[in-house]
Amino acid sequence: MWKLNDKSDAEEMKRALLSMKGQVACLLEIEVGINVSTHQSAYDVVFIGSFADDQALLEFESDEFHKGVGNTISKLRDHRVVIEYAC
């Protein structure tokens, strides 16, 4: 999840994240949501990705297309938190 420097950049960030669909082979499913809450502690954008296993998640971290998206996102974000879990 990210807090943005400017909340008006949320749609741009969503487009950038969704551009990974079909471009990053190890990313099985992707969901991106833009916050609608007015709560003070709410973050602006959330990314939920599904991977086959831990190895696929590691591949995602080093994927060149993902890194390019990360460069765009890093310019828009103020703060990031990450949760990685296995089901």
PDB file of N, CA and C in Angstrom:
ATOM      1  N   MET A   1       0.851  -1.176   0.000  1.00  0.00           N
ATOM      2  CA  MET A   1       0.000   0.000   0.000  1.00  0.00           C
ATOM      3  C   MET A   1       0.889   1.229   0.000  1.00  0.00           C
ATOM      4  N   TRP A   2       0.368   2.293  -0.581  1.00  0.00           N
ATOM      5  CA  TRP A   2       1.137   3.528  -0.677  1.00  0.00           C
ATOM      6  C   TRP A   2       0.301   4.731  -0.243  1.00  0.00           C
ATOM      7  N   LYS A   3       0.965   5.666   0.351  1.00  0.00           N
ATOM      8  CA  LYS A   3       0.448   7.027   0.500  1.00  0.00           C
ATOM      9  C   LYS A   3       1.161   7.826  -0.580  1.00  0.00           C
ATOM     10  N   LEU A   4       0.414   8.631  -1.283  1.00  0.00           N
ATOM     11  CA  LEU A   4       0.963   9.378  -2.404  1.00  0.00           C
ATOM     12  C   LEU A   4       1.348  10.787  -1.995  1.00  0.00           C
ATOM     13  N   ASN A   5       2.282  11.350  -2.737  1.00  0.00           N
ATOM     14  CA  ASN A   5       2.628  12.754  -2.551  1.00  0.00           C
ATOM     15  C   ASN A   5       1.428  13.631  -2.881  1.00  0.00           C
ATOM     16  N   ASP A   6       0.681  13.234  -3.922  1.00  0.00           N
ATOM     17  CA  ASP A   6      -0.492  13.974  -4.384  1.00  0.00           C
ATOM     18  C   ASP A   6      -1.582  12.949  -4.699  1.00  0.00           C
ATOM     19  N   LYS A   7      -2.656  12.953  -3.954  1.00  0.00           N
ATOM     20  CA  LYS A   7      -3.709  11.957  -4.115  1.00  0.00           C
ATOM     21  C   LYS A   7      -4.318  11.956  -5.520  1.00  0.00           C
ATOM     22  N   SER A   8      -4.169  13.057  -6.238  1.00  0.00           N
ATOM     23  CA  SER A   8      -4.702  13.104  -7.600  1.00  0.00           C
ATOM     24  C   SER A   8      -3.909  12.207  -8.561  1.00  0.00           C
ATOM     25  N   ASP A   9      -2.785  11.663  -8.119  1.00  0.00           N
ATOM     26  CA  ASP A   9      -1.983  10.753  -8.943  1.00  0.00           C
ATOM     27  C   ASP A   9      -2.433   9.297  -8.809  1.00  0.00           C
ATOM     28  N   ALA A  10      -3.491   9.039  -8.048  1.00  0.00           N
ATOM     29  CA  ALA A  10      -3.925   7.665  -7.785  1.00  0.00           C
ATOM     30  C   ALA A  10      -4.267   6.906  -9.064  1.00  0.00           C
ATOM     31  N   GLU A  11      -4.970   7.528  -9.982  1.00  0.00           N
ATOM     32  CA  GLU A  11      -5.338   6.845 -11.235  1.00  0.00           C
ATOM     33  C   GLU A  11      -4.097   6.527 -12.073  1.00  0.00           C
ATOM     34  N   GLU A  12      -3.137   7.433 -12.114  1.00  0.00           N
ATOM     35  CA  GLU A  12      -1.888   7.187 -12.843  1.00  0.00           C
ATOM     36  C   GLU A  12      -1.155   5.989 -12.235  1.00  0.00           C
ATOM     37  N   MET A  13      -1.126   5.939 -10.923  1.00  0.00           N
ATOM     38  CA  MET A  13      -0.468   4.830 -10.252  1.00  0.00           C
ATOM     39  C   MET A  13      -1.199   3.521 -10.530  1.00  0.00           C
ATOM     40  N   LYS A  14      -2.515   3.555 -10.492  1.00  0.00           N
ATOM     41  CA  LYS A  14      -3.304   2.364 -10.779  1.00  0.00           C
ATOM     42  C   LYS A  14      -3.022   1.852 -12.186  1.00  0.00           C
ATOM     43  N   ARG A  15      -2.983   2.748 -13.154  1.00  0.00           N
ATOM     44  CA  ARG A  15      -2.679   2.353 -14.540  1.00  0.00           C
ATOM     45  C   ARG A  15      -1.298   1.724 -14.634  1.00  0.00           C
ATOM     46  N   ALA A  16      -0.313   2.324 -13.969  1.00  0.00           N
ATOM     47  CA  ALA A  16       1.050   1.797 -13.999  1.00  0.00           C
ATOM     48  C   ALA A  16       1.097   0.389 -13.417  1.00  0.00           C
ATOM     49  N   LEU A  17       0.453   0.197 -12.279  1.00  0.00           N
ATOM     50  CA  LEU A  17       0.443  -1.123 -11.652  1.00  0.00           C
ATOM     51  C   LEU A  17      -0.275  -2.155 -12.522  1.00  0.00           C
ATOM     52  N   LEU A  18      -1.428  -1.792 -13.057  1.00  0.00           N
ATOM     53  CA  LEU A  18      -2.185  -2.722 -13.889  1.00  0.00           C
ATOM     54  C   LEU A  18      -1.483  -3.039 -15.203  1.00  0.00           C
ATOM     55  N   SER A  19      -0.543  -2.210 -15.621  1.00  0.00           N
ATOM     56  CA  SER A  19       0.201  -2.480 -16.857  1.00  0.00           C
ATOM     57  C   SER A  19       1.032  -3.760 -16.739  1.00  0.00           C
ATOM     58  N   MET A  20       1.248  -4.242 -15.529  1.00  0.00           N
ATOM     59  CA  MET A  20       2.013  -5.481 -15.346  1.00  0.00           C
ATOM     60  C   MET A  20       1.218  -6.720 -15.741  1.00  0.00           C
ATOM     61  N   LYS A  21      -0.115  -6.606 -15.807  1.00  0.00           N
ATOM     62  CA  LYS A  21      -0.962  -7.747 -16.174  1.00  0.00           C
ATOM     63  C   LYS A  21      -0.591  -8.218 -17.576  1.00  0.00           C
ATOM     64  N   GLY A  22      -0.194  -9.470 -17.666  1.00  0.00           N
ATOM     65  CA  GLY A  22       0.188 -10.044 -18.954  1.00  0.00           C
ATOM     66  C   GLY A  22       1.620  -9.738 -19.360  1.00  0.00           C
ATOM     67  N   GLN A  23       2.293  -8.852 -18.657  1.00  0.00           N
ATOM     68  CA  GLN A  23       3.672  -8.487 -18.975  1.00  0.00           C
ATOM     69  C   GLN A  23       4.683  -9.128 -18.022  1.00  0.00           C
ATOM     70  N   VAL A  24       4.223  -9.498 -16.843  1.00  0.00           N
ATOM     71  CA  VAL A  24       5.082 -10.110 -15.832  1.00  0.00           C
ATOM     72  C   VAL A  24       4.555 -11.535 -15.617  1.00  0.00           C
ATOM     73  N   ALA A  25       5.279 -12.490 -16.175  1.00  0.00           N
ATOM     74  CA  ALA A  25       4.786 -13.875 -16.237  1.00  0.00           C
ATOM     75  C   ALA A  25       4.505 -14.480 -14.864  1.00  0.00           C
ATOM     76  N   CYS A  26       5.281 -14.141 -13.870  1.00  0.00           N
ATOM     77  CA  CYS A  26       5.110 -14.757 -12.546  1.00  0.00           C
ATOM     78  C   CYS A  26       3.938 -14.169 -11.760  1.00  0.00           C
ATOM     79  N   LEU A  27       3.358 -13.101 -12.242  1.00  0.00           N
ATOM     80  CA  LEU A  27       2.215 -12.462 -11.590  1.00  0.00           C
ATOM     81  C   LEU A  27       0.927 -13.092 -12.123  1.00  0.00           C
ATOM     82  N   LEU A  28       0.312 -13.960 -11.311  1.00  0.00           N
ATOM     83  CA  LEU A  28      -0.864 -14.703 -11.764  1.00  0.00           C
ATOM     84  C   LEU A  28      -2.115 -13.847 -11.799  1.00  0.00           C
ATOM     85  N   GLU A  29      -2.321 -13.069 -10.754  1.00  0.00           N
ATOM     86  CA  GLU A  29      -3.489 -12.199 -10.665  1.00  0.00           C
ATOM     87  C   GLU A  29      -3.058 -10.874 -10.072  1.00  0.00           C
ATOM     88  N   ILE A  30      -3.767  -9.815 -10.443  1.00  0.00           N
ATOM     89  CA  ILE A  30      -3.462  -8.492  -9.910  1.00  0.00           C
ATOM     90  C   ILE A  30      -4.764  -7.750  -9.642  1.00  0.00           C
ATOM     91  N   GLU A  31      -4.778  -7.065  -8.524  1.00  0.00           N
ATOM     92  CA  GLU A  31      -5.895  -6.194  -8.172  1.00  0.00           C
ATOM     93  C   GLU A  31      -5.307  -4.902  -7.625  1.00  0.00           C
ATOM     94  N   VAL A  32      -5.831  -3.777  -8.061  1.00  0.00           N
ATOM     95  CA  VAL A  32      -5.379  -2.472  -7.587  1.00  0.00           C
ATOM     96  C   VAL A  32      -6.606  -1.684  -7.167  1.00  0.00           C
ATOM     97  N   GLY A  33      -6.554  -1.140  -5.969  1.00  0.00           N
ATOM     98  CA  GLY A  33      -7.668  -0.360  -5.464  1.00  0.00           C
ATOM     99  C   GLY A  33      -7.226   1.031  -5.048  1.00  0.00           C
ATOM    100  N   ILE A  34      -8.121   1.985  -5.240  1.00  0.00           N
ATOM    101  CA  ILE A  34      -7.895   3.368  -4.813  1.00  0.00           C
ATOM    102  C   ILE A  34      -8.786   3.618  -3.602  1.00  0.00           C
ATOM    103  N   ASN A  35      -8.192   4.154  -2.566  1.00  0.00           N
ATOM    104  CA  ASN A  35      -8.889   4.399  -1.306  1.00  0.00           C
ATOM    105  C   ASN A  35     -10.106   5.312  -1.488  1.00  0.00           C
ATOM    106  N   VAL A  36     -11.177   4.964  -0.799  1.00  0.00           N
ATOM    107  CA  VAL A  36     -12.365   5.826  -0.754  1.00  0.00           C
ATOM    108  C   VAL A  36     -12.647   6.313   0.667  1.00  0.00           C
ATOM    109  N   SER A  37     -11.872   5.826   1.635  1.00  0.00           N
ATOM    110  CA  SER A  37     -12.060   6.207   3.030  1.00  0.00           C
ATOM    111  C   SER A  37     -11.509   7.606   3.300  1.00  0.00           C
ATOM    112  N   THR A  38     -12.153   8.298   4.215  1.00  0.00           N
ATOM    113  CA  THR A  38     -11.648   9.603   4.645  1.00  0.00           C
ATOM    114  C   THR A  38     -10.892   9.496   5.963  1.00  0.00           C
ATOM    115  N   HIS A  39     -10.700   8.267   6.431  1.00  0.00           N
ATOM    116  CA  HIS A  39     -10.006   8.054   7.699  1.00  0.00           C
ATOM    117  C   HIS A  39      -8.566   8.539   7.611  1.00  0.00           C
ATOM    118  N   GLN A  40      -8.098   9.193   8.642  1.00  0.00           N
ATOM    119  CA  GLN A  40      -6.766   9.796   8.670  1.00  0.00           C
ATOM    120  C   GLN A  40      -5.646   8.781   8.430  1.00  0.00           C
ATOM    121  N   SER A  41      -5.811   7.547   8.878  1.00  0.00           N
ATOM    122  CA  SER A  41      -4.743   6.553   8.751  1.00  0.00           C
ATOM    123  C   SER A  41      -4.806   5.768   7.443  1.00  0.00           C
ATOM    124  N   ALA A  42      -5.771   6.059   6.577  1.00  0.00           N
ATOM    125  CA  ALA A  42      -5.938   5.321   5.324  1.00  0.00           C
ATOM    126  C   ALA A  42      -4.796   5.608   4.351  1.00  0.00           C
ATOM    127  N   TYR A  43      -4.431   4.581   3.605  1.00  0.00           N
ATOM    128  CA  TYR A  43      -3.469   4.729   2.519  1.00  0.00           C
ATOM    129  C   TYR A  43      -4.234   4.996   1.230  1.00  0.00           C
ATOM    130  N   ASP A  44      -3.536   5.451   0.191  1.00  0.00           N
ATOM    131  CA  ASP A  44      -4.206   5.901  -1.025  1.00  0.00           C
ATOM    132  C   ASP A  44      -4.422   4.806  -2.071  1.00  0.00           C
ATOM    133  N   VAL A  45      -3.453   3.912  -2.219  1.00  0.00           N
ATOM    134  CA  VAL A  45      -3.517   2.878  -3.256  1.00  0.00           C
ATOM    135  C   VAL A  45      -3.057   1.558  -2.663  1.00  0.00           C
ATOM    136  N   VAL A  46      -3.729   0.471  -3.049  1.00  0.00           N
ATOM    137  CA  VAL A  46      -3.321  -0.865  -2.624  1.00  0.00           C
ATOM    138  C   VAL A  46      -3.140  -1.742  -3.862  1.00  0.00           C
ATOM    139  N   PHE A  47      -2.108  -2.575  -3.809  1.00  0.00           N
ATOM    140  CA  PHE A  47      -1.803  -3.563  -4.856  1.00  0.00           C
ATOM    141  C   PHE A  47      -1.881  -4.935  -4.214  1.00  0.00           C
ATOM    142  N   ILE A  48      -2.656  -5.826  -4.811  1.00  0.00           N
ATOM    143  CA  ILE A  48      -2.721  -7.211  -4.358  1.00  0.00           C
ATOM    144  C   ILE A  48      -2.344  -8.086  -5.548  1.00  0.00           C
ATOM    145  N   GLY A  49      -1.272  -8.822  -5.389  1.00  0.00           N
ATOM    146  CA  GLY A  49      -0.804  -9.714  -6.441  1.00  0.00           C
ATOM    147  C   GLY A  49      -0.793 -11.141  -5.953  1.00  0.00           C
ATOM    148  N   SER A  50      -1.083 -12.075  -6.841  1.00  0.00           N
ATOM    149  CA  SER A  50      -1.049 -13.497  -6.517  1.00  0.00           C
ATOM    150  C   SER A  50       0.065 -14.165  -7.301  1.00  0.00           C
ATOM    151  N   PHE A  51       0.775 -15.050  -6.605  1.00  0.00           N
ATOM    152  CA  PHE A  51       1.920 -15.744  -7.183  1.00  0.00           C
ATOM    153  C   PHE A  51       1.800 -17.233  -6.883  1.00  0.00           C
ATOM    154  N   ALA A  52       2.346 -18.067  -7.739  1.00  0.00           N
ATOM    155  CA  ALA A  52       2.240 -19.518  -7.574  1.00  0.00           C
ATOM    156  C   ALA A  52       2.924 -20.001  -6.302  1.00  0.00           C
ATOM    157  N   ASP A  53       4.047 -19.379  -5.963  1.00  0.00           N
ATOM    158  CA  ASP A  53       4.811 -19.819  -4.799  1.00  0.00           C
ATOM    159  C   ASP A  53       5.845 -18.755  -4.437  1.00  0.00           C
ATOM    160  N   ASP A  54       6.640 -19.046  -3.409  1.00  0.00           N
ATOM    161  CA  ASP A  54       7.651 -18.089  -2.953  1.00  0.00           C
ATOM    162  C   ASP A  54       8.676 -17.773  -4.041  1.00  0.00           C
ATOM    163  N   GLN A  55       9.019 -18.758  -4.843  1.00  0.00           N
ATOM    164  CA  GLN A  55       9.978 -18.542  -5.927  1.00  0.00           C
ATOM    165  C   GLN A  55       9.434 -17.539  -6.945  1.00  0.00           C
ATOM    166  N   ALA A  56       8.155 -17.638  -7.260  1.00  0.00           N
ATOM    167  CA  ALA A  56       7.540 -16.698  -8.199  1.00  0.00           C
ATOM    168  C   ALA A  56       7.565 -15.284  -7.632  1.00  0.00           C
ATOM    169  N   LEU A  57       7.370 -15.151  -6.331  1.00  0.00           N
ATOM    170  CA  LEU A  57       7.454 -13.829  -5.701  1.00  0.00           C
ATOM    171  C   LEU A  57       8.861 -13.269  -5.821  1.00  0.00           C
ATOM    172  N   LEU A  58       9.872 -14.104  -5.638  1.00  0.00           N
ATOM    173  CA  LEU A  58      11.261 -13.663  -5.812  1.00  0.00           C
ATOM    174  C   LEU A  58      11.529 -13.234  -7.256  1.00  0.00           C
ATOM    175  N   GLU A  59      10.983 -13.976  -8.207  1.00  0.00           N
ATOM    176  CA  GLU A  59      11.122 -13.615  -9.621  1.00  0.00           C
ATOM    177  C   GLU A  59      10.478 -12.258  -9.893  1.00  0.00           C
ATOM    178  N   PHE A  60       9.345 -12.013  -9.269  1.00  0.00           N
ATOM    179  CA  PHE A  60       8.642 -10.741  -9.431  1.00  0.00           C
ATOM    180  C   PHE A  60       9.537  -9.582  -9.012  1.00  0.00           C
ATOM    181  N   GLU A  61      10.215  -9.736  -7.893  1.00  0.00           N
ATOM    182  CA  GLU A  61      11.074  -8.672  -7.378  1.00  0.00           C
ATOM    183  C   GLU A  61      12.184  -8.298  -8.355  1.00  0.00           C
ATOM    184  N   SER A  62      12.657  -9.257  -9.142  1.00  0.00           N
ATOM    185  CA  SER A  62      13.762  -8.972 -10.067  1.00  0.00           C
ATOM    186  C   SER A  62      13.316  -8.793 -11.517  1.00  0.00           C
ATOM    187  N   ASP A  63      12.025  -8.888 -11.782  1.00  0.00           N
ATOM    188  CA  ASP A  63      11.507  -8.736 -13.146  1.00  0.00           C
ATOM    189  C   ASP A  63      11.738  -7.315 -13.665  1.00  0.00           C
ATOM    190  N   GLU A  64      12.263  -7.205 -14.878  1.00  0.00           N
ATOM    191  CA  GLU A  64      12.611  -5.892 -15.447  1.00  0.00           C
ATOM    192  C   GLU A  64      11.384  -5.013 -15.690  1.00  0.00           C
ATOM    193  N   PHE A  65      10.283  -5.600 -16.151  1.00  0.00           N
ATOM    194  CA  PHE A  65       9.074  -4.796 -16.362  1.00  0.00           C
ATOM    195  C   PHE A  65       8.581  -4.257 -15.021  1.00  0.00           C
ATOM    196  N   HIS A  66       8.572  -5.109 -14.013  1.00  0.00           N
ATOM    197  CA  HIS A  66       8.167  -4.689 -12.665  1.00  0.00           C
ATOM    198  C   HIS A  66       9.070  -3.571 -12.157  1.00  0.00           C
ATOM    199  N   LYS A  67      10.359  -3.687 -12.375  1.00  0.00           N
ATOM    200  CA  LYS A  67      11.287  -2.639 -11.942  1.00  0.00           C
ATOM    201  C   LYS A  67      10.979  -1.307 -12.623  1.00  0.00           C
ATOM    202  N   GLY A  68      10.612  -1.348 -13.897  1.00  0.00           N
ATOM    203  CA  GLY A  68      10.242  -0.125 -14.610  1.00  0.00           C
ATOM    204  C   GLY A  68       9.009   0.521 -14.019  1.00  0.00           C
ATOM    205  N   VAL A  69       8.019  -0.298 -13.681  1.00  0.00           N
ATOM    206  CA  VAL A  69       6.813   0.218 -13.022  1.00  0.00           C
ATOM    207  C   VAL A  69       7.195   0.809 -11.667  1.00  0.00           C
ATOM    208  N   GLY A  70       8.095   0.131 -10.969  1.00  0.00           N
ATOM    209  CA  GLY A  70       8.566   0.618  -9.675  1.00  0.00           C
ATOM    210  C   GLY A  70       9.206   1.991  -9.760  1.00  0.00           C
ATOM    211  N   ASN A  71       9.921   2.249 -10.841  1.00  0.00           N
ATOM    212  CA  ASN A  71      10.523   3.575 -11.026  1.00  0.00           C
ATOM    213  C   ASN A  71       9.460   4.654 -11.128  1.00  0.00           C
ATOM    214  N   THR A  72       8.392   4.374 -11.854  1.00  0.00           N
ATOM    215  CA  THR A  72       7.288   5.328 -11.971  1.00  0.00           C
ATOM    216  C   THR A  72       6.631   5.553 -10.614  1.00  0.00           C
ATOM    217  N   ILE A  73       6.370   4.464  -9.919  1.00  0.00           N
ATOM    218  CA  ILE A  73       5.685   4.541  -8.634  1.00  0.00           C
ATOM    219  C   ILE A  73       6.501   5.292  -7.596  1.00  0.00           C
ATOM    220  N   SER A  74       7.805   5.082  -7.603  1.00  0.00           N
ATOM    221  CA  SER A  74       8.648   5.738  -6.598  1.00  0.00           C
ATOM    222  C   SER A  74       8.598   7.258  -6.712  1.00  0.00           C
ATOM    223  N   LYS A  75       8.288   7.770  -7.897  1.00  0.00           N
ATOM    224  CA  LYS A  75       8.170   9.221  -8.090  1.00  0.00           C
ATOM    225  C   LYS A  75       6.847   9.764  -7.534  1.00  0.00           C
ATOM    226  N   LEU A  76       5.858   8.893  -7.414  1.00  0.00           N
ATOM    227  CA  LEU A  76       4.530   9.316  -6.981  1.00  0.00           C
ATOM    228  C   LEU A  76       4.288   9.100  -5.489  1.00  0.00           C
ATOM    229  N   ARG A  77       5.005   8.189  -4.895  1.00  0.00           N
ATOM    230  CA  ARG A  77       4.698   7.780  -3.522  1.00  0.00           C
ATOM    231  C   ARG A  77       5.423   8.609  -2.477  1.00  0.00           C
ATOM    232  N   ASP A  78       4.753   8.720  -1.358  1.00  0.00           N
ATOM    233  CA  ASP A  78       5.354   9.327  -0.183  1.00  0.00           C
ATOM    234  C   ASP A  78       5.829   8.248   0.775  1.00  0.00           C
ATOM    235  N   HIS A  79       5.000   7.211   0.963  1.00  0.00           N
ATOM    236  CA  HIS A  79       5.303   6.165   1.925  1.00  0.00           C
ATOM    237  C   HIS A  79       4.717   4.840   1.428  1.00  0.00           C
ATOM    238  N   ARG A  80       5.373   3.740   1.797  1.00  0.00           N
ATOM    239  CA  ARG A  80       4.923   2.407   1.360  1.00  0.00           C
ATOM    240  C   ARG A  80       4.977   1.448   2.532  1.00  0.00           C
ATOM    241  N   VAL A  81       4.017   0.554   2.591  1.00  0.00           N
ATOM    242  CA  VAL A  81       4.046  -0.587   3.515  1.00  0.00           C
ATOM    243  C   VAL A  81       3.780  -1.844   2.707  1.00  0.00           C
ATOM    244  N   VAL A  82       4.369  -2.946   3.135  1.00  0.00           N
ATOM    245  CA  VAL A  82       4.275  -4.206   2.392  1.00  0.00           C
ATOM    246  C   VAL A  82       3.889  -5.326   3.343  1.00  0.00           C
ATOM    247  N   ILE A  83       3.024  -6.204   2.873  1.00  0.00           N
ATOM    248  CA  ILE A  83       2.708  -7.452   3.556  1.00  0.00           C
ATOM    249  C   ILE A  83       2.811  -8.548   2.502  1.00  0.00           C
ATOM    250  N   GLU A  84       3.642  -9.547   2.777  1.00  0.00           N
ATOM    251  CA  GLU A  84       3.741 -10.717   1.903  1.00  0.00           C
ATOM    252  C   GLU A  84       3.363 -11.926   2.735  1.00  0.00           C
ATOM    253  N   TYR A  85       2.430 -12.740   2.221  1.00  0.00           N
ATOM    254  CA  TYR A  85       1.979 -13.881   2.977  1.00  0.00           C
ATOM    255  C   TYR A  85       1.686 -15.049   2.052  1.00  0.00           C
ATOM    256  N   ALA A  86       1.684 -16.243   2.616  1.00  0.00           N
ATOM    257  CA  ALA A  86       1.361 -17.457   1.870  1.00  0.00           C
ATOM    258  C   ALA A  86       0.058 -18.025   2.406  1.00  0.00           C
ATOM    259  N   CYS A  87      -0.748 -18.549   1.502  1.00  0.00           N
ATOM    260  CA  CYS A  87      -2.009 -19.181   1.917  1.00  0.00           C
ATOM    261  C   CYS A  87      -1.856 -20.673   1.981  1.00  0.00           C
TER     262      CYS A  87
END
